[in-house]
Amino acid sequence: MRFVFDENHPPPLARMLAEIAKAEPYDIASVVSLGLRGTKDVDLFQILTNNATCRNILITADAAMKRRRHEASAIQETGLVVVVCAKGWNQEGEIFRRGAMLLHWWRQIVICSEAALPGTFLELPWKSRGIGKLARWKP
Protein backbone atom coordinates (compact mmCIF):
# COMPACT_ATOMS: atom_id res chain seq x y z
CA MET A 1 0.00 0.00 0.00
CA ARG A 2 1.23 3.50 -0.78
CA PHE A 3 -0.07 6.72 0.78
CA VAL A 4 0.27 9.76 -1.48
CA PHE A 5 -0.13 13.28 -0.10
CA ASP A 6 -1.49 15.74 -2.65
CA GLU A 7 -0.40 19.35 -3.05
CA ASN A 8 -2.72 20.53 -0.26
CA HIS A 9 -0.16 19.18 2.20
CA PRO A 10 3.41 20.41 2.51
CA PRO A 11 5.82 17.74 1.14
CA PRO A 12 7.80 17.68 4.43
CA LEU A 13 4.79 16.00 6.10
CA ALA A 14 5.06 13.04 3.73
CA ARG A 15 8.84 12.92 4.18
CA MET A 16 8.46 12.94 7.98
CA LEU A 17 5.98 10.05 7.94
CA ALA A 18 8.06 8.14 5.38
CA GLU A 19 11.07 8.36 7.67
CA ILE A 20 9.13 7.20 10.71
CA ALA A 21 7.39 4.39 8.80
CA LYS A 22 10.47 2.88 7.16
CA ALA A 23 9.90 -0.45 8.90
CA GLU A 24 6.22 -0.56 7.92
CA PRO A 25 4.92 -2.57 4.93
CA TYR A 26 3.79 0.50 2.99
CA ASP A 27 5.25 3.53 1.26
CA ILE A 28 4.57 7.22 1.81
CA ALA A 29 5.11 9.82 -0.90
CA SER A 30 3.87 13.21 -2.02
CA VAL A 31 2.60 14.27 -5.41
CA VAL A 32 5.65 16.55 -5.56
CA SER A 33 8.16 13.74 -4.84
CA LEU A 34 6.52 11.63 -7.55
CA GLY A 35 7.04 14.43 -10.09
CA LEU A 36 3.30 15.01 -10.46
CA ARG A 37 3.07 18.63 -9.26
CA GLY A 38 0.32 20.49 -11.11
CA THR A 39 -1.40 17.34 -12.38
CA LYS A 40 -5.17 17.78 -12.62
CA ASP A 41 -7.01 15.71 -10.02
CA VAL A 42 -8.80 13.36 -12.45
CA ASP A 43 -5.52 12.70 -14.28
CA LEU A 44 -3.82 12.07 -10.94
CA PHE A 45 -6.45 9.46 -10.01
CA GLN A 46 -5.76 7.63 -13.26
CA ILE A 47 -1.99 7.79 -12.83
CA LEU A 48 -2.18 6.45 -9.27
CA THR A 49 -4.36 3.50 -10.24
CA ASN A 50 -3.12 2.56 -13.74
CA ASN A 51 -0.50 -0.17 -13.63
CA ALA A 52 -0.22 0.20 -9.87
CA THR A 53 1.82 -2.50 -8.18
CA CYS A 54 0.09 -1.73 -4.88
CA ARG A 55 -3.04 -0.02 -3.59
CA ASN A 56 -2.71 3.76 -3.55
CA ILE A 57 -4.40 5.94 -0.94
CA LEU A 58 -4.64 9.66 -1.72
CA ILE A 59 -4.54 12.02 1.27
CA THR A 60 -5.95 15.45 0.52
CA ALA A 61 -7.24 18.55 2.29
CA ASP A 62 -9.50 19.33 -0.70
CA ALA A 63 -12.88 18.55 0.88
CA ALA A 64 -14.68 19.86 -2.22
CA MET A 65 -13.35 16.85 -4.14
CA LYS A 66 -16.22 14.71 -2.89
CA ARG A 67 -18.78 17.28 -4.14
CA ARG A 68 -17.35 17.70 -7.63
CA ARG A 69 -19.27 15.15 -9.67
CA HIS A 70 -16.56 14.54 -12.25
CA GLU A 71 -13.95 13.94 -9.54
CA ALA A 72 -16.21 11.76 -7.38
CA SER A 73 -17.09 9.70 -10.47
CA ALA A 74 -13.42 9.33 -11.42
CA ILE A 75 -12.60 8.14 -7.90
CA GLN A 76 -15.33 5.51 -8.09
CA GLU A 77 -14.26 4.42 -11.58
CA THR A 78 -10.59 4.09 -10.67
CA GLY A 79 -11.28 2.53 -7.26
CA LEU A 80 -8.98 4.98 -5.53
CA VAL A 81 -9.41 5.41 -1.77
CA VAL A 82 -9.25 9.06 -0.70
CA VAL A 83 -8.64 10.32 2.84
CA VAL A 84 -10.11 13.83 3.05
CA CYS A 85 -8.80 15.98 5.87
CA ALA A 86 -11.59 17.91 7.60
CA LYS A 87 -11.82 21.69 7.69
CA GLY A 88 -9.34 22.27 10.52
CA TRP A 89 -6.45 20.79 8.53
CA ASN A 90 -6.56 23.60 5.97
CA GLN A 91 -6.87 26.22 8.68
CA GLU A 92 -3.76 25.11 10.58
CA GLY A 93 -0.78 26.98 9.20
CA GLU A 94 1.85 25.54 11.53
CA ILE A 95 3.47 22.49 9.95
CA PHE A 96 4.58 21.08 13.32
CA ARG A 97 0.98 21.03 14.57
CA ARG A 98 -0.18 19.33 11.37
CA GLY A 99 2.63 16.80 11.72
CA ALA A 100 1.68 16.07 15.31
CA MET A 101 -1.94 15.51 14.31
CA LEU A 102 -0.92 13.19 11.47
CA LEU A 103 1.14 11.14 13.91
CA HIS A 104 -1.78 11.12 16.33
CA TRP A 105 -4.14 9.74 13.67
CA TRP A 106 -1.70 7.68 11.58
CA ARG A 107 -2.48 4.18 12.87
CA GLN A 108 -6.20 4.75 12.37
CA ILE A 109 -5.60 6.14 8.86
CA VAL A 110 -3.76 2.92 7.96
CA ILE A 111 -6.37 0.62 9.53
CA CYS A 112 -9.33 2.35 7.89
CA SER A 113 -7.57 2.60 4.52
CA GLU A 114 -6.81 -1.11 4.53
CA ALA A 115 -10.48 -1.90 5.21
CA ALA A 116 -11.93 0.66 2.79
CA LEU A 117 -13.75 -0.46 -0.32
CA PRO A 118 -12.41 0.81 -3.65
CA GLY A 119 -13.82 4.23 -4.58
CA THR A 120 -14.39 5.24 -0.96
CA PHE A 121 -13.83 8.58 0.75
CA LEU A 122 -12.67 8.58 4.37
CA GLU A 123 -12.88 11.73 6.48
CA LEU A 124 -9.99 12.56 8.81
CA PRO A 125 -11.17 14.84 11.63
CA TRP A 126 -9.16 17.66 13.09
CA LYS A 127 -9.37 16.86 16.79
CA SER A 128 -6.93 15.40 19.22
CA ARG A 129 -9.29 13.87 21.75
CA GLY A 130 -9.82 10.17 21.25
CA ILE A 131 -9.14 8.24 18.12
CA GLY A 132 -12.07 6.62 16.37
CA LYS A 133 -12.73 5.16 12.99
CA LEU A 134 -12.67 7.57 10.09
CA ALA A 135 -16.13 8.33 8.71
CA ARG A 136 -16.77 6.55 5.39
CA TRP A 137 -19.00 7.46 2.52
CA LYS A 138 -19.26 6.76 -1.17
CA PRO A 139 -19.94 9.63 -3.58
C-alpha atoms as a PDB file:
ATOM      1  CA  MET A   1       0.000   0.000   0.000  1.00  0.00           C
ATOM      2  CA  ARG A   2       1.229   3.498  -0.778  1.00  0.00           C
ATOM      3  CA  PHE A   3      -0.066   6.723   0.783  1.00  0.00           C
ATOM      4  CA  VAL A   4       0.266   9.756  -1.476  1.00  0.00           C
ATOM      5  CA  PHE A   5      -0.132  13.281  -0.101  1.00  0.00           C
ATOM      6  CA  ASP A   6      -1.488  15.744  -2.647  1.00  0.00           C
ATOM      7  CA  GLU A   7      -0.400  19.345  -3.052  1.00  0.00           C
ATOM      8  CA  ASN A   8      -2.716  20.533  -0.256  1.00  0.00           C
ATOM      9  CA  HIS A   9      -0.160  19.175   2.197  1.00  0.00           C
ATOM     10  CA  PRO A  10       3.410  20.409   2.510  1.00  0.00           C
ATOM     11  CA  PRO A  11       5.816  17.739   1.136  1.00  0.00           C
ATOM     12  CA  PRO A  12       7.799  17.678   4.429  1.00  0.00           C
ATOM     13  CA  LEU A  13       4.795  16.000   6.103  1.00  0.00           C
ATOM     14  CA  ALA A  14       5.062  13.038   3.727  1.00  0.00           C
ATOM     15  CA  ARG A  15       8.842  12.917   4.185  1.00  0.00           C
ATOM     16  CA  MET A  16       8.459  12.941   7.976  1.00  0.00           C
ATOM     17  CA  LEU A  17       5.982  10.052   7.939  1.00  0.00           C
ATOM     18  CA  ALA A  18       8.059   8.140   5.384  1.00  0.00           C
ATOM     19  CA  GLU A  19      11.074   8.358   7.668  1.00  0.00           C
ATOM     20  CA  ILE A  20       9.126   7.202  10.712  1.00  0.00           C
ATOM     21  CA  ALA A  21       7.387   4.392   8.803  1.00  0.00           C
ATOM     22  CA  LYS A  22      10.475   2.882   7.155  1.00  0.00           C
ATOM     23  CA  ALA A  23       9.901  -0.451   8.897  1.00  0.00           C
ATOM     24  CA  GLU A  24       6.220  -0.558   7.916  1.00  0.00           C
ATOM     25  CA  PRO A  25       4.925  -2.572   4.934  1.00  0.00           C
ATOM     26  CA  TYR A  26       3.788   0.497   2.991  1.00  0.00           C
ATOM     27  CA  ASP A  27       5.250   3.526   1.261  1.00  0.00           C
ATOM     28  CA  ILE A  28       4.571   7.216   1.813  1.00  0.00           C
ATOM     29  CA  ALA A  29       5.111   9.823  -0.897  1.00  0.00           C
ATOM     30  CA  SER A  30       3.871  13.213  -2.022  1.00  0.00           C
ATOM     31  CA  VAL A  31       2.604  14.272  -5.413  1.00  0.00           C
ATOM     32  CA  VAL A  32       5.648  16.548  -5.561  1.00  0.00           C
ATOM     33  CA  SER A  33       8.155  13.742  -4.838  1.00  0.00           C
ATOM     34  CA  LEU A  34       6.516  11.634  -7.548  1.00  0.00           C
ATOM     35  CA  GLY A  35       7.040  14.428 -10.091  1.00  0.00           C
ATOM     36  CA  LEU A  36       3.298  15.011 -10.462  1.00  0.00           C
ATOM     37  CA  ARG A  37       3.067  18.627  -9.255  1.00  0.00           C
ATOM     38  CA  GLY A  38       0.324  20.492 -11.109  1.00  0.00           C
ATOM     39  CA  THR A  39      -1.404  17.343 -12.375  1.00  0.00           C
ATOM     40  CA  LYS A  40      -5.168  17.779 -12.621  1.00  0.00           C
ATOM     41  CA  ASP A  41      -7.015  15.705 -10.025  1.00  0.00           C
ATOM     42  CA  VAL A  42      -8.795  13.365 -12.453  1.00  0.00           C
ATOM     43  CA  ASP A  43      -5.522  12.697 -14.281  1.00  0.00           C
ATOM     44  CA  LEU A  44      -3.819  12.068 -10.938  1.00  0.00           C
ATOM     45  CA  PHE A  45      -6.451   9.461 -10.007  1.00  0.00           C
ATOM     46  CA  GLN A  46      -5.760   7.626 -13.264  1.00  0.00           C
ATOM     47  CA  ILE A  47      -1.988   7.794 -12.834  1.00  0.00           C
ATOM     48  CA  LEU A  48      -2.180   6.451  -9.270  1.00  0.00           C
ATOM     49  CA  THR A  49      -4.357   3.499 -10.242  1.00  0.00           C
ATOM     50  CA  ASN A  50      -3.117   2.562 -13.742  1.00  0.00           C
ATOM     51  CA  ASN A  51      -0.496  -0.168 -13.634  1.00  0.00           C
ATOM     52  CA  ALA A  52      -0.224   0.202  -9.866  1.00  0.00           C
ATOM     53  CA  THR A  53       1.824  -2.496  -8.180  1.00  0.00           C
ATOM     54  CA  CYS A  54       0.085  -1.733  -4.883  1.00  0.00           C
ATOM     55  CA  ARG A  55      -3.039  -0.024  -3.593  1.00  0.00           C
ATOM     56  CA  ASN A  56      -2.709   3.765  -3.549  1.00  0.00           C
ATOM     57  CA  ILE A  57      -4.404   5.935  -0.936  1.00  0.00           C
ATOM     58  CA  LEU A  58      -4.641   9.659  -1.721  1.00  0.00           C
ATOM     59  CA  ILE A  59      -4.541  12.018   1.274  1.00  0.00           C
ATOM     60  CA  THR A  60      -5.951  15.451   0.520  1.00  0.00           C
ATOM     61  CA  ALA A  61      -7.244  18.545   2.288  1.00  0.00           C
ATOM     62  CA  ASP A  62      -9.496  19.327  -0.698  1.00  0.00           C
ATOM     63  CA  ALA A  63     -12.879  18.554   0.877  1.00  0.00           C
ATOM     64  CA  ALA A  64     -14.678  19.860  -2.216  1.00  0.00           C
ATOM     65  CA  MET A  65     -13.353  16.852  -4.143  1.00  0.00           C
ATOM     66  CA  LYS A  66     -16.220  14.712  -2.887  1.00  0.00           C
ATOM     67  CA  ARG A  67     -18.775  17.278  -4.135  1.00  0.00           C
ATOM     68  CA  ARG A  68     -17.352  17.702  -7.634  1.00  0.00           C
ATOM     69  CA  ARG A  69     -19.272  15.151  -9.668  1.00  0.00           C
ATOM     70  CA  HIS A  70     -16.561  14.544 -12.250  1.00  0.00           C
ATOM     71  CA  GLU A  71     -13.945  13.939  -9.542  1.00  0.00           C
ATOM     72  CA  ALA A  72     -16.212  11.763  -7.384  1.00  0.00           C
ATOM     73  CA  SER A  73     -17.092   9.695 -10.468  1.00  0.00           C
ATOM     74  CA  ALA A  74     -13.424   9.333 -11.417  1.00  0.00           C
ATOM     75  CA  ILE A  75     -12.604   8.142  -7.904  1.00  0.00           C
ATOM     76  CA  GLN A  76     -15.328   5.506  -8.093  1.00  0.00           C
ATOM     77  CA  GLU A  77     -14.264   4.424 -11.584  1.00  0.00           C
ATOM     78  CA  THR A  78     -10.590   4.093 -10.667  1.00  0.00           C
ATOM     79  CA  GLY A  79     -11.282   2.532  -7.264  1.00  0.00           C
ATOM     80  CA  LEU A  80      -8.983   4.983  -5.534  1.00  0.00           C
ATOM     81  CA  VAL A  81      -9.411   5.413  -1.775  1.00  0.00           C
ATOM     82  CA  VAL A  82      -9.248   9.058  -0.698  1.00  0.00           C
ATOM     83  CA  VAL A  83      -8.641  10.324   2.840  1.00  0.00           C
ATOM     84  CA  VAL A  84     -10.106  13.826   3.052  1.00  0.00           C
ATOM     85  CA  CYS A  85      -8.801  15.977   5.875  1.00  0.00           C
ATOM     86  CA  ALA A  86     -11.592  17.906   7.597  1.00  0.00           C
ATOM     87  CA  LYS A  87     -11.820  21.690   7.693  1.00  0.00           C
ATOM     88  CA  GLY A  88      -9.336  22.272  10.516  1.00  0.00           C
ATOM     89  CA  TRP A  89      -6.453  20.786   8.532  1.00  0.00           C
ATOM     90  CA  ASN A  90      -6.565  23.596   5.970  1.00  0.00           C
ATOM     91  CA  GLN A  91      -6.866  26.222   8.675  1.00  0.00           C
ATOM     92  CA  GLU A  92      -3.760  25.106  10.579  1.00  0.00           C
ATOM     93  CA  GLY A  93      -0.784  26.978   9.205  1.00  0.00           C
ATOM     94  CA  GLU A  94       1.848  25.542  11.529  1.00  0.00           C
ATOM     95  CA  ILE A  95       3.468  22.494   9.947  1.00  0.00           C
ATOM     96  CA  PHE A  96       4.576  21.083  13.317  1.00  0.00           C
ATOM     97  CA  ARG A  97       0.983  21.032  14.574  1.00  0.00           C
ATOM     98  CA  ARG A  98      -0.182  19.331  11.366  1.00  0.00           C
ATOM     99  CA  GLY A  99       2.632  16.801  11.717  1.00  0.00           C
ATOM    100  CA  ALA A 100       1.681  16.068  15.306  1.00  0.00           C
ATOM    101  CA  MET A 101      -1.942  15.513  14.311  1.00  0.00           C
ATOM    102  CA  LEU A 102      -0.917  13.192  11.471  1.00  0.00           C
ATOM    103  CA  LEU A 103       1.136  11.136  13.910  1.00  0.00           C
ATOM    104  CA  HIS A 104      -1.785  11.123  16.333  1.00  0.00           C
ATOM    105  CA  TRP A 105      -4.145   9.737  13.669  1.00  0.00           C
ATOM    106  CA  TRP A 106      -1.697   7.681  11.577  1.00  0.00           C
ATOM    107  CA  ARG A 107      -2.478   4.180  12.867  1.00  0.00           C
ATOM    108  CA  GLN A 108      -6.201   4.754  12.366  1.00  0.00           C
ATOM    109  CA  ILE A 109      -5.600   6.144   8.856  1.00  0.00           C
ATOM    110  CA  VAL A 110      -3.762   2.924   7.961  1.00  0.00           C
ATOM    111  CA  ILE A 111      -6.366   0.616   9.526  1.00  0.00           C
ATOM    112  CA  CYS A 112      -9.334   2.354   7.892  1.00  0.00           C
ATOM    113  CA  SER A 113      -7.571   2.604   4.524  1.00  0.00           C
ATOM    114  CA  GLU A 114      -6.811  -1.112   4.532  1.00  0.00           C
ATOM    115  CA  ALA A 115     -10.478  -1.903   5.206  1.00  0.00           C
ATOM    116  CA  ALA A 116     -11.934   0.658   2.788  1.00  0.00           C
ATOM    117  CA  LEU A 117     -13.751  -0.465  -0.320  1.00  0.00           C
ATOM    118  CA  PRO A 118     -12.410   0.813  -3.654  1.00  0.00           C
ATOM    119  CA  GLY A 119     -13.817   4.231  -4.579  1.00  0.00           C
ATOM    120  CA  THR A 120     -14.394   5.243  -0.956  1.00  0.00           C
ATOM    121  CA  PHE A 121     -13.829   8.581   0.750  1.00  0.00           C
ATOM    122  CA  LEU A 122     -12.668   8.579   4.372  1.00  0.00           C
ATOM    123  CA  GLU A 123     -12.877  11.729   6.484  1.00  0.00           C
ATOM    124  CA  LEU A 124      -9.994  12.555   8.813  1.00  0.00           C
ATOM    125  CA  PRO A 125     -11.167  14.837  11.629  1.00  0.00           C
ATOM    126  CA  TRP A 126      -9.158  17.659  13.095  1.00  0.00           C
ATOM    127  CA  LYS A 127      -9.368  16.864  16.788  1.00  0.00           C
ATOM    128  CA  SER A 128      -6.933  15.396  19.217  1.00  0.00           C
ATOM    129  CA  ARG A 129      -9.291  13.865  21.753  1.00  0.00           C
ATOM    130  CA  GLY A 130      -9.820  10.173  21.245  1.00  0.00           C
ATOM    131  CA  ILE A 131      -9.145   8.237  18.116  1.00  0.00           C
ATOM    132  CA  GLY A 132     -12.068   6.625  16.374  1.00  0.00           C
ATOM    133  CA  LYS A 133     -12.732   5.159  12.989  1.00  0.00           C
ATOM    134  CA  LEU A 134     -12.671   7.567  10.091  1.00  0.00           C
ATOM    135  CA  ALA A 135     -16.129   8.328   8.708  1.00  0.00           C
ATOM    136  CA  ARG A 136     -16.766   6.554   5.393  1.00  0.00           C
ATOM    137  CA  TRP A 137     -18.997   7.456   2.519  1.00  0.00           C
ATOM    138  CA  LYS A 138     -19.259   6.763  -1.172  1.00  0.00           C
ATOM    139  CA  PRO A 139     -19.939   9.633  -3.576  1.00  0.00           C
END
